[in-house]
N, C-alpha and C. Protein backbone atom coordinates (compact mmCIF):
# COMPACT_ATOMS: atom_id res chain seq x y z
N MET A 1 0.84 -1.17 0.00
CA MET A 1 0.00 0.00 0.00
C MET A 1 0.89 1.25 0.00
N ALA A 2 0.65 2.14 -0.93
CA ALA A 2 1.45 3.35 -1.04
C ALA A 2 1.07 4.34 0.07
N LEU A 3 2.09 4.99 0.60
CA LEU A 3 1.86 6.01 1.62
C LEU A 3 1.56 7.34 0.95
N ASN A 4 0.71 8.14 1.57
CA ASN A 4 0.39 9.45 1.04
C ASN A 4 1.27 10.51 1.67
N ALA A 5 1.36 11.64 1.00
CA ALA A 5 2.11 12.77 1.54
C ALA A 5 1.38 13.33 2.76
N THR A 6 2.15 13.89 3.68
CA THR A 6 1.59 14.57 4.85
C THR A 6 1.51 16.05 4.53
N ILE A 7 0.38 16.65 4.78
CA ILE A 7 0.18 18.07 4.47
C ILE A 7 0.52 18.91 5.70
N HIS A 8 1.33 19.96 5.47
CA HIS A 8 1.70 20.91 6.52
C HIS A 8 1.22 22.29 6.10
N LYS A 9 0.53 22.96 6.99
CA LYS A 9 0.08 24.33 6.77
C LYS A 9 1.06 25.25 7.49
N VAL A 10 1.64 26.18 6.73
CA VAL A 10 2.68 27.04 7.28
C VAL A 10 2.36 28.50 6.98
N GLU A 11 2.38 29.31 8.03
CA GLU A 11 2.33 30.75 7.85
C GLU A 11 3.76 31.24 8.04
N LEU A 12 4.41 31.59 6.94
CA LEU A 12 5.83 31.96 6.92
C LEU A 12 5.98 33.46 6.77
N SER A 13 6.47 34.11 7.82
CA SER A 13 6.73 35.55 7.77
C SER A 13 8.22 35.76 7.56
N VAL A 14 8.56 36.50 6.53
CA VAL A 14 9.96 36.73 6.17
C VAL A 14 10.28 38.20 6.35
N SER A 15 11.34 38.47 7.10
CA SER A 15 11.89 39.81 7.24
C SER A 15 13.35 39.73 6.82
N ASP A 16 13.60 40.04 5.56
CA ASP A 16 14.95 39.94 5.00
C ASP A 16 15.54 41.34 4.87
N MET A 17 16.34 41.73 5.86
CA MET A 17 16.94 43.05 5.85
C MET A 17 18.00 43.19 4.76
N ASP A 18 18.60 42.07 4.34
CA ASP A 18 19.63 42.12 3.29
C ASP A 18 19.03 42.47 1.93
N ARG A 19 17.83 41.96 1.65
CA ARG A 19 17.18 42.21 0.35
C ARG A 19 16.01 43.19 0.46
N HIS A 20 15.72 43.66 1.66
CA HIS A 20 14.59 44.56 1.91
C HIS A 20 13.28 43.92 1.44
N TYR A 21 13.08 42.69 1.88
CA TYR A 21 11.87 41.94 1.54
C TYR A 21 11.15 41.60 2.83
N TYR A 22 9.89 42.02 2.94
CA TYR A 22 9.10 41.80 4.15
C TYR A 22 7.70 41.35 3.73
N GLU A 23 7.41 40.08 3.96
CA GLU A 23 6.14 39.54 3.49
C GLU A 23 5.77 38.30 4.29
N THR A 24 4.48 37.98 4.31
CA THR A 24 4.00 36.75 4.92
C THR A 24 3.41 35.88 3.83
N HIS A 25 3.83 34.60 3.83
CA HIS A 25 3.37 33.64 2.84
C HIS A 25 2.57 32.56 3.56
N LYS A 26 1.41 32.24 3.06
CA LYS A 26 0.62 31.12 3.58
C LYS A 26 0.87 29.95 2.64
N LEU A 27 1.55 28.94 3.16
CA LEU A 27 1.97 27.81 2.34
C LEU A 27 1.29 26.52 2.77
N THR A 28 0.94 25.71 1.80
CA THR A 28 0.49 24.35 2.03
C THR A 28 1.58 23.48 1.43
N VAL A 29 2.29 22.75 2.29
CA VAL A 29 3.46 22.00 1.87
C VAL A 29 3.18 20.51 2.02
N ALA A 30 3.38 19.77 0.94
CA ALA A 30 3.23 18.31 0.99
C ALA A 30 4.58 17.70 1.32
N LYS A 31 4.62 16.93 2.39
CA LYS A 31 5.84 16.24 2.80
C LYS A 31 5.78 14.82 2.27
N HIS A 32 6.66 14.50 1.35
CA HIS A 32 6.74 13.17 0.75
C HIS A 32 6.99 12.13 1.85
N PRO A 33 6.44 10.93 1.74
CA PRO A 33 6.63 9.91 2.78
C PRO A 33 8.10 9.63 3.12
N SER A 34 9.00 9.79 2.14
CA SER A 34 10.42 9.53 2.41
C SER A 34 11.18 10.77 2.86
N GLU A 35 10.50 11.90 2.93
CA GLU A 35 11.16 13.15 3.33
C GLU A 35 11.22 13.26 4.85
N THR A 36 12.36 13.67 5.37
CA THR A 36 12.52 13.84 6.81
C THR A 36 12.02 15.22 7.24
N ASN A 37 11.78 15.39 8.53
CA ASN A 37 11.43 16.71 9.06
C ASN A 37 12.56 17.70 8.83
N GLU A 38 13.79 17.21 8.90
CA GLU A 38 14.96 18.07 8.68
C GLU A 38 14.92 18.67 7.27
N ARG A 39 14.63 17.85 6.28
CA ARG A 39 14.59 18.33 4.90
C ARG A 39 13.39 19.25 4.68
N LEU A 40 12.26 18.91 5.27
CA LEU A 40 11.07 19.76 5.16
C LEU A 40 11.36 21.15 5.70
N MET A 41 11.96 21.22 6.87
CA MET A 41 12.24 22.52 7.48
C MET A 41 13.30 23.30 6.68
N LEU A 42 14.27 22.59 6.12
CA LEU A 42 15.27 23.26 5.28
C LEU A 42 14.61 23.81 4.02
N ARG A 43 13.62 23.10 3.49
CA ARG A 43 12.88 23.62 2.34
C ARG A 43 12.22 24.95 2.68
N LEU A 44 11.63 25.02 3.87
CA LEU A 44 10.98 26.26 4.30
C LEU A 44 11.99 27.38 4.51
N VAL A 45 13.14 27.05 5.08
CA VAL A 45 14.20 28.05 5.28
C VAL A 45 14.72 28.54 3.93
N ALA A 46 14.94 27.62 2.99
CA ALA A 46 15.40 28.01 1.65
C ALA A 46 14.36 28.89 0.97
N PHE A 47 13.09 28.57 1.15
CA PHE A 47 12.02 29.41 0.60
C PHE A 47 12.13 30.81 1.18
N ALA A 48 12.33 30.91 2.48
CA ALA A 48 12.45 32.22 3.13
C ALA A 48 13.66 32.98 2.61
N MET A 49 14.77 32.29 2.42
CA MET A 49 16.00 32.94 1.95
C MET A 49 15.82 33.55 0.57
N MET A 50 15.01 32.92 -0.27
CA MET A 50 14.84 33.38 -1.64
C MET A 50 13.43 33.95 -1.88
N ALA A 51 12.70 34.23 -0.82
CA ALA A 51 11.29 34.64 -0.90
C ALA A 51 11.05 35.71 -1.96
N HIS A 52 9.97 35.50 -2.68
CA HIS A 52 9.57 36.38 -3.78
C HIS A 52 8.10 36.06 -4.04
N GLU A 53 7.36 37.01 -4.56
CA GLU A 53 5.93 36.77 -4.79
C GLU A 53 5.66 35.65 -5.80
N GLN A 54 6.62 35.33 -6.67
CA GLN A 54 6.42 34.28 -7.66
C GLN A 54 7.15 32.98 -7.31
N LEU A 55 7.75 32.90 -6.14
CA LEU A 55 8.45 31.69 -5.72
C LEU A 55 7.45 30.60 -5.37
N GLU A 56 7.73 29.36 -5.79
CA GLU A 56 6.80 28.26 -5.55
C GLU A 56 7.53 27.00 -5.12
N MET A 57 6.89 26.25 -4.23
CA MET A 57 7.34 24.89 -3.92
C MET A 57 6.91 24.03 -5.10
N THR A 58 7.74 23.07 -5.48
CA THR A 58 7.38 22.16 -6.56
C THR A 58 6.97 20.82 -5.96
N LYS A 59 6.83 19.83 -6.80
CA LYS A 59 6.48 18.49 -6.32
C LYS A 59 7.65 17.84 -5.60
N GLY A 60 8.85 18.42 -5.75
CA GLY A 60 10.02 17.98 -4.99
C GLY A 60 10.42 16.54 -5.21
N LEU A 61 10.48 15.78 -4.13
CA LEU A 61 10.96 14.40 -4.18
C LEU A 61 10.14 13.50 -5.09
N SER A 62 8.89 13.83 -5.31
CA SER A 62 8.05 12.95 -6.13
C SER A 62 8.26 13.16 -7.63
N THR A 63 9.07 14.15 -8.01
CA THR A 63 9.36 14.41 -9.42
C THR A 63 10.85 14.61 -9.60
N ASP A 64 11.47 13.80 -10.46
CA ASP A 64 12.91 13.86 -10.66
C ASP A 64 13.38 15.06 -11.48
N ASP A 65 12.53 15.58 -12.35
CA ASP A 65 12.98 16.61 -13.27
C ASP A 65 12.63 18.04 -12.82
N GLU A 66 12.27 18.22 -11.56
CA GLU A 66 11.98 19.56 -11.03
C GLU A 66 12.86 19.83 -9.83
N PRO A 67 13.26 21.09 -9.65
CA PRO A 67 13.96 21.43 -8.41
C PRO A 67 12.97 21.41 -7.24
N ASP A 68 13.46 21.62 -6.04
CA ASP A 68 12.57 21.63 -4.87
C ASP A 68 11.73 22.90 -4.80
N ILE A 69 12.33 24.00 -5.25
CA ILE A 69 11.66 25.31 -5.24
C ILE A 69 12.04 25.99 -6.54
N TRP A 70 11.12 26.74 -7.12
CA TRP A 70 11.48 27.50 -8.32
C TRP A 70 10.72 28.81 -8.40
N ARG A 71 11.28 29.68 -9.22
CA ARG A 71 10.61 30.92 -9.56
C ARG A 71 10.68 31.04 -11.08
N LYS A 72 9.52 31.19 -11.68
CA LYS A 72 9.45 31.33 -13.13
C LYS A 72 9.04 32.75 -13.49
N SER A 73 9.52 33.19 -14.64
CA SER A 73 9.11 34.50 -15.14
C SER A 73 7.67 34.40 -15.63
N LEU A 74 7.07 35.53 -15.92
CA LEU A 74 5.69 35.53 -16.42
C LEU A 74 5.58 34.82 -17.76
N SER A 75 6.70 34.73 -18.50
CA SER A 75 6.68 34.02 -19.78
C SER A 75 7.10 32.56 -19.65
N GLY A 76 7.33 32.09 -18.40
CA GLY A 76 7.57 30.68 -18.17
C GLY A 76 9.02 30.24 -18.06
N GLU A 77 9.98 31.15 -18.24
CA GLU A 77 11.40 30.76 -18.11
C GLU A 77 11.75 30.61 -16.64
N LEU A 78 12.65 29.66 -16.37
CA LEU A 78 13.11 29.44 -15.00
C LEU A 78 14.10 30.54 -14.62
N GLU A 79 13.71 31.35 -13.65
CA GLU A 79 14.61 32.40 -13.16
C GLU A 79 15.46 31.88 -12.02
N LEU A 80 14.90 31.03 -11.16
CA LEU A 80 15.60 30.51 -10.00
C LEU A 80 15.19 29.07 -9.75
N SER A 81 16.19 28.24 -9.49
CA SER A 81 15.95 26.86 -9.08
C SER A 81 16.69 26.62 -7.78
N VAL A 82 16.01 26.03 -6.81
CA VAL A 82 16.63 25.71 -5.52
C VAL A 82 16.61 24.19 -5.36
N LEU A 83 17.80 23.63 -5.14
CA LEU A 83 17.95 22.20 -4.91
C LEU A 83 18.39 21.98 -3.47
N LEU A 84 17.90 20.91 -2.85
CA LEU A 84 18.28 20.58 -1.47
C LEU A 84 19.07 19.28 -1.46
N GLY A 85 19.98 19.19 -0.50
CA GLY A 85 20.71 17.95 -0.30
C GLY A 85 21.98 17.89 -1.11
N SER A 86 22.23 16.73 -1.71
CA SER A 86 23.47 16.48 -2.44
C SER A 86 23.13 15.97 -3.85
N PRO A 87 22.73 16.87 -4.75
CA PRO A 87 22.34 16.43 -6.09
C PRO A 87 23.55 15.91 -6.86
N SER A 88 23.27 15.02 -7.81
CA SER A 88 24.35 14.47 -8.63
C SER A 88 24.92 15.56 -9.54
N GLU A 89 26.11 15.30 -10.04
CA GLU A 89 26.76 16.24 -10.95
C GLU A 89 25.88 16.48 -12.18
N LYS A 90 25.22 15.44 -12.66
CA LYS A 90 24.34 15.55 -13.82
C LYS A 90 23.16 16.48 -13.53
N VAL A 91 22.54 16.32 -12.36
CA VAL A 91 21.40 17.17 -11.98
C VAL A 91 21.86 18.63 -11.85
N VAL A 92 23.02 18.85 -11.24
CA VAL A 92 23.55 20.22 -11.10
C VAL A 92 23.77 20.83 -12.48
N ARG A 93 24.39 20.09 -13.38
CA ARG A 93 24.68 20.58 -14.73
C ARG A 93 23.38 20.91 -15.47
N GLN A 94 22.41 19.99 -15.43
CA GLN A 94 21.14 20.21 -16.13
C GLN A 94 20.39 21.41 -15.55
N THR A 95 20.38 21.53 -14.23
CA THR A 95 19.67 22.63 -13.60
C THR A 95 20.33 23.97 -13.92
N CYS A 96 21.66 24.02 -13.88
CA CYS A 96 22.38 25.26 -14.20
C CYS A 96 22.16 25.66 -15.66
N ASN A 97 21.98 24.68 -16.55
CA ASN A 97 21.73 24.99 -17.96
C ASN A 97 20.30 25.45 -18.22
N LYS A 98 19.35 25.06 -17.36
CA LYS A 98 17.94 25.41 -17.55
C LYS A 98 17.56 26.72 -16.87
N SER A 99 18.22 27.07 -15.78
CA SER A 99 17.79 28.17 -14.93
C SER A 99 18.79 29.32 -14.93
N ARG A 100 18.26 30.53 -14.85
CA ARG A 100 19.13 31.71 -14.82
C ARG A 100 20.00 31.73 -13.56
N SER A 101 19.45 31.27 -12.44
CA SER A 101 20.17 31.26 -11.17
C SER A 101 19.82 29.98 -10.41
N VAL A 102 20.83 29.39 -9.75
CA VAL A 102 20.64 28.13 -9.03
C VAL A 102 21.23 28.25 -7.64
N LEU A 103 20.46 27.79 -6.64
CA LEU A 103 20.93 27.72 -5.26
C LEU A 103 20.85 26.27 -4.81
N ILE A 104 21.96 25.75 -4.29
CA ILE A 104 21.96 24.41 -3.69
C ILE A 104 22.14 24.61 -2.20
N CYS A 105 21.19 24.09 -1.42
CA CYS A 105 21.27 24.11 0.03
C CYS A 105 21.60 22.70 0.48
N THR A 106 22.82 22.51 0.95
CA THR A 106 23.26 21.19 1.36
C THR A 106 23.32 21.11 2.88
N TYR A 107 23.17 19.90 3.38
CA TYR A 107 23.15 19.66 4.82
C TYR A 107 23.54 18.22 5.06
N GLY A 108 23.76 17.85 6.30
CA GLY A 108 24.06 16.46 6.60
C GLY A 108 25.45 16.24 7.14
N GLY A 109 26.14 17.31 7.53
CA GLY A 109 27.45 17.15 8.16
C GLY A 109 28.51 16.59 7.23
N ARG A 110 29.16 15.53 7.66
CA ARG A 110 30.28 14.95 6.92
C ARG A 110 29.85 14.46 5.54
N ALA A 111 28.66 13.92 5.41
CA ALA A 111 28.18 13.44 4.11
C ALA A 111 28.12 14.59 3.09
N ALA A 112 27.70 15.77 3.52
CA ALA A 112 27.66 16.94 2.64
C ALA A 112 29.07 17.36 2.24
N GLU A 113 30.01 17.30 3.18
CA GLU A 113 31.40 17.66 2.88
C GLU A 113 32.00 16.70 1.86
N ILE A 114 31.72 15.42 1.99
CA ILE A 114 32.22 14.42 1.04
C ILE A 114 31.63 14.69 -0.34
N TRP A 115 30.31 14.96 -0.40
CA TRP A 115 29.66 15.28 -1.67
C TRP A 115 30.33 16.50 -2.31
N TRP A 116 30.58 17.54 -1.53
CA TRP A 116 31.15 18.77 -2.07
C TRP A 116 32.58 18.54 -2.57
N ASP A 117 33.38 17.76 -1.83
CA ASP A 117 34.74 17.45 -2.28
C ASP A 117 34.71 16.74 -3.64
N LYS A 118 33.72 15.89 -3.84
CA LYS A 118 33.60 15.12 -5.08
C LYS A 118 33.14 15.98 -6.26
N ILE A 119 32.24 16.93 -6.00
CA ILE A 119 31.58 17.66 -7.09
C ILE A 119 32.16 19.07 -7.33
N ARG A 120 32.89 19.59 -6.38
CA ARG A 120 33.35 20.99 -6.42
C ARG A 120 34.03 21.38 -7.73
N SER A 121 34.98 20.60 -8.20
CA SER A 121 35.74 21.00 -9.40
C SER A 121 34.86 21.07 -10.64
N SER A 122 33.78 20.31 -10.68
CA SER A 122 32.91 20.34 -11.86
C SER A 122 31.92 21.50 -11.83
N THR A 123 31.83 22.23 -10.72
CA THR A 123 30.86 23.33 -10.63
C THR A 123 31.47 24.70 -10.90
N THR A 124 32.78 24.79 -11.00
CA THR A 124 33.42 26.10 -11.15
C THR A 124 33.06 26.79 -12.46
N ARG A 125 32.65 26.05 -13.45
CA ARG A 125 32.32 26.65 -14.75
C ARG A 125 30.97 27.36 -14.76
N PHE A 126 30.16 27.12 -13.74
CA PHE A 126 28.82 27.70 -13.71
C PHE A 126 28.85 29.07 -13.02
N ASP A 127 28.51 30.11 -13.77
CA ASP A 127 28.52 31.45 -13.19
C ASP A 127 27.15 31.83 -12.62
N ASN A 128 26.24 30.87 -12.56
CA ASN A 128 24.90 31.12 -12.02
C ASN A 128 24.59 30.24 -10.81
N LEU A 129 25.63 29.69 -10.18
CA LEU A 129 25.45 28.73 -9.10
C LEU A 129 25.96 29.25 -7.76
N LYS A 130 25.13 29.07 -6.73
CA LYS A 130 25.52 29.36 -5.36
C LYS A 130 25.27 28.10 -4.55
N VAL A 131 26.26 27.71 -3.73
CA VAL A 131 26.13 26.53 -2.89
C VAL A 131 26.33 26.96 -1.44
N VAL A 132 25.35 26.66 -0.58
CA VAL A 132 25.47 26.97 0.84
C VAL A 132 25.27 25.70 1.65
N ASN A 133 25.99 25.62 2.76
CA ASN A 133 25.90 24.47 3.64
C ASN A 133 25.29 24.89 4.97
N PHE A 134 24.41 24.04 5.49
CA PHE A 134 23.78 24.27 6.78
C PHE A 134 24.34 23.27 7.78
N ALA A 135 24.73 23.76 8.94
CA ALA A 135 25.30 22.91 9.98
C ALA A 135 24.30 21.85 10.41
N GLU A 136 24.82 20.67 10.66
CA GLU A 136 23.98 19.54 11.07
C GLU A 136 23.23 19.84 12.36
N SER A 137 23.88 20.55 13.28
CA SER A 137 23.22 20.86 14.55
C SER A 137 22.02 21.78 14.35
N ALA A 138 22.14 22.74 13.42
CA ALA A 138 21.05 23.68 13.16
C ALA A 138 19.87 22.98 12.48
N THR A 139 20.15 22.13 11.50
CA THR A 139 19.04 21.46 10.81
C THR A 139 18.36 20.43 11.72
N ALA A 140 19.14 19.82 12.61
CA ALA A 140 18.54 18.87 13.57
C ALA A 140 17.62 19.61 14.54
N GLU A 141 18.05 20.81 14.95
CA GLU A 141 17.23 21.63 15.85
C GLU A 141 15.93 22.06 15.15
N LEU A 142 16.05 22.42 13.88
CA LEU A 142 14.85 22.80 13.11
C LEU A 142 13.89 21.62 12.98
N ALA A 143 14.43 20.42 12.76
CA ALA A 143 13.60 19.23 12.59
C ALA A 143 12.71 19.00 13.80
N GLU A 144 13.22 19.30 14.98
CA GLU A 144 12.44 19.12 16.21
C GLU A 144 11.25 20.08 16.28
N GLN A 145 11.31 21.16 15.53
CA GLN A 145 10.26 22.17 15.58
C GLN A 145 9.16 21.94 14.55
N ALA A 146 9.33 20.95 13.69
CA ALA A 146 8.36 20.69 12.62
C ALA A 146 7.01 20.28 13.20
N GLY A 147 5.96 20.79 12.59
CA GLY A 147 4.61 20.45 13.01
C GLY A 147 3.67 20.51 11.81
N ARG A 148 2.49 19.96 11.95
CA ARG A 148 1.52 19.95 10.85
C ARG A 148 0.97 21.34 10.57
N SER A 149 0.95 22.18 11.60
CA SER A 149 0.50 23.55 11.46
C SER A 149 1.53 24.43 12.16
N MET A 150 2.16 25.32 11.40
CA MET A 150 3.26 26.11 11.98
C MET A 150 3.12 27.60 11.64
N ARG A 151 3.50 28.41 12.61
CA ARG A 151 3.71 29.84 12.39
C ARG A 151 5.21 30.02 12.48
N MET A 152 5.80 30.38 11.37
CA MET A 152 7.26 30.45 11.27
C MET A 152 7.68 31.86 10.89
N GLN A 153 8.65 32.39 11.61
CA GLN A 153 9.19 33.72 11.33
C GLN A 153 10.67 33.56 11.02
N VAL A 154 11.11 34.09 9.87
CA VAL A 154 12.53 34.03 9.51
C VAL A 154 13.02 35.46 9.33
N ASN A 155 13.99 35.83 10.16
CA ASN A 155 14.64 37.13 10.05
C ASN A 155 16.03 36.90 9.47
N ILE A 156 16.37 37.68 8.44
CA ILE A 156 17.66 37.54 7.78
C ILE A 156 18.38 38.87 7.81
N GLN A 157 19.60 38.85 8.33
CA GLN A 157 20.41 40.07 8.36
C GLN A 157 21.88 39.67 8.29
N ASP A 158 22.61 40.31 7.38
CA ASP A 158 24.03 40.04 7.17
C ASP A 158 24.29 38.56 6.93
N GLY A 159 23.39 37.90 6.20
CA GLY A 159 23.56 36.50 5.85
C GLY A 159 23.23 35.52 6.96
N GLU A 160 22.86 36.01 8.13
CA GLU A 160 22.52 35.13 9.26
C GLU A 160 21.00 35.07 9.40
N LEU A 161 20.53 33.91 9.85
CA LEU A 161 19.10 33.69 9.97
C LEU A 161 18.71 33.42 11.41
N MET A 162 17.58 34.00 11.80
CA MET A 162 16.95 33.66 13.06
C MET A 162 15.59 33.08 12.69
N VAL A 163 15.43 31.79 12.99
CA VAL A 163 14.21 31.08 12.63
C VAL A 163 13.42 30.80 13.89
N SER A 164 12.20 31.30 13.92
CA SER A 164 11.34 31.12 15.07
C SER A 164 10.11 30.33 14.63
N VAL A 165 9.89 29.19 15.29
CA VAL A 165 8.70 28.39 15.04
C VAL A 165 7.96 28.30 16.36
N ASP A 166 6.78 28.89 16.37
CA ASP A 166 6.00 29.00 17.59
C ASP A 166 6.87 29.65 18.67
N ASP A 167 7.28 28.95 19.72
CA ASP A 167 8.07 29.57 20.79
C ASP A 167 9.56 29.23 20.73
N ALA A 168 9.98 28.39 19.79
CA ALA A 168 11.38 27.97 19.70
C ALA A 168 12.13 28.85 18.69
N ILE A 169 13.38 29.16 19.00
CA ILE A 169 14.21 29.99 18.12
C ILE A 169 15.50 29.23 17.80
N THR A 170 15.86 29.24 16.51
CA THR A 170 17.11 28.63 16.06
C THR A 170 17.89 29.69 15.28
N TYR A 171 19.17 29.81 15.60
CA TYR A 171 20.05 30.74 14.88
C TYR A 171 20.89 29.93 13.90
N ILE A 172 20.93 30.39 12.66
CA ILE A 172 21.62 29.66 11.60
C ILE A 172 22.54 30.62 10.85
N THR A 173 23.77 30.17 10.63
CA THR A 173 24.70 30.90 9.78
C THR A 173 25.11 29.97 8.65
N PRO A 174 24.43 30.07 7.50
CA PRO A 174 24.80 29.21 6.37
C PRO A 174 26.22 29.55 5.90
N VAL A 175 26.98 28.52 5.56
CA VAL A 175 28.36 28.70 5.07
C VAL A 175 28.32 28.63 3.55
N ILE A 176 28.81 29.69 2.91
CA ILE A 176 28.82 29.74 1.45
C ILE A 176 30.02 28.95 0.94
N TRP A 177 29.74 27.90 0.17
CA TRP A 177 30.80 27.09 -0.41
C TRP A 177 31.15 27.56 -1.81
N GLN A 178 30.19 28.13 -2.51
CA GLN A 178 30.46 28.70 -3.84
C GLN A 178 29.50 29.85 -4.05
N GLN A 179 30.04 30.95 -4.49
CA GLN A 179 29.22 32.14 -4.81
C GLN A 179 29.66 32.63 -6.15
N SER A 180 28.90 32.37 -7.18
CA SER A 180 29.24 32.83 -8.52
C SER A 180 28.66 34.23 -8.71
N GLU A 181 29.24 34.93 -9.67
CA GLU A 181 28.88 36.33 -9.89
C GLU A 181 27.41 36.53 -10.23
N LEU A 182 26.83 35.67 -11.06
CA LEU A 182 25.46 35.86 -11.49
C LEU A 182 24.43 35.23 -10.58
N ALA A 183 24.89 34.38 -9.65
CA ALA A 183 23.94 33.71 -8.75
C ALA A 183 23.35 34.75 -7.80
N GLU A 184 22.05 34.59 -7.52
CA GLU A 184 21.39 35.52 -6.62
C GLU A 184 21.89 35.33 -5.20
N ALA A 185 21.87 36.41 -4.44
CA ALA A 185 22.33 36.36 -3.05
C ALA A 185 21.41 35.56 -2.19
């Protein structure tokens, strides 16, 4: 018997002092049966980091040919693709060729470092790619805050994030592993 996705209702308030973006998004997020709370919460944090009125969650894990989050222009071109985890070199190459700007949010401690050591040299040619790593302790703390109904506030200033879910607060400093000139901040 196939398992169904779990639906999470999220009221996400973003205060991004770096980009001067202040908005509240009401999101209905489907959590794939194989998706962890850690990955779900990182998806929400990545959404907050790149928040825009046209930013959308995609089908994610249930579809191989879509990024986890995207923003399309009014004419349908991919302006931004956000990938989570440790995508293969082929997926990175294809995504960078399809999208004007690509953000990879990696996590998982040592496993993420091993992935980056393996793939780093093949990514230098992409001038539209940004890769950031999230500390394992921060993503584990976020995972504990996951709920079916959440009020989440993300404040961003000087590249640092303060994530508040209900009464819990997590401070995150993503480490930039690659910042290309054309990739969005």
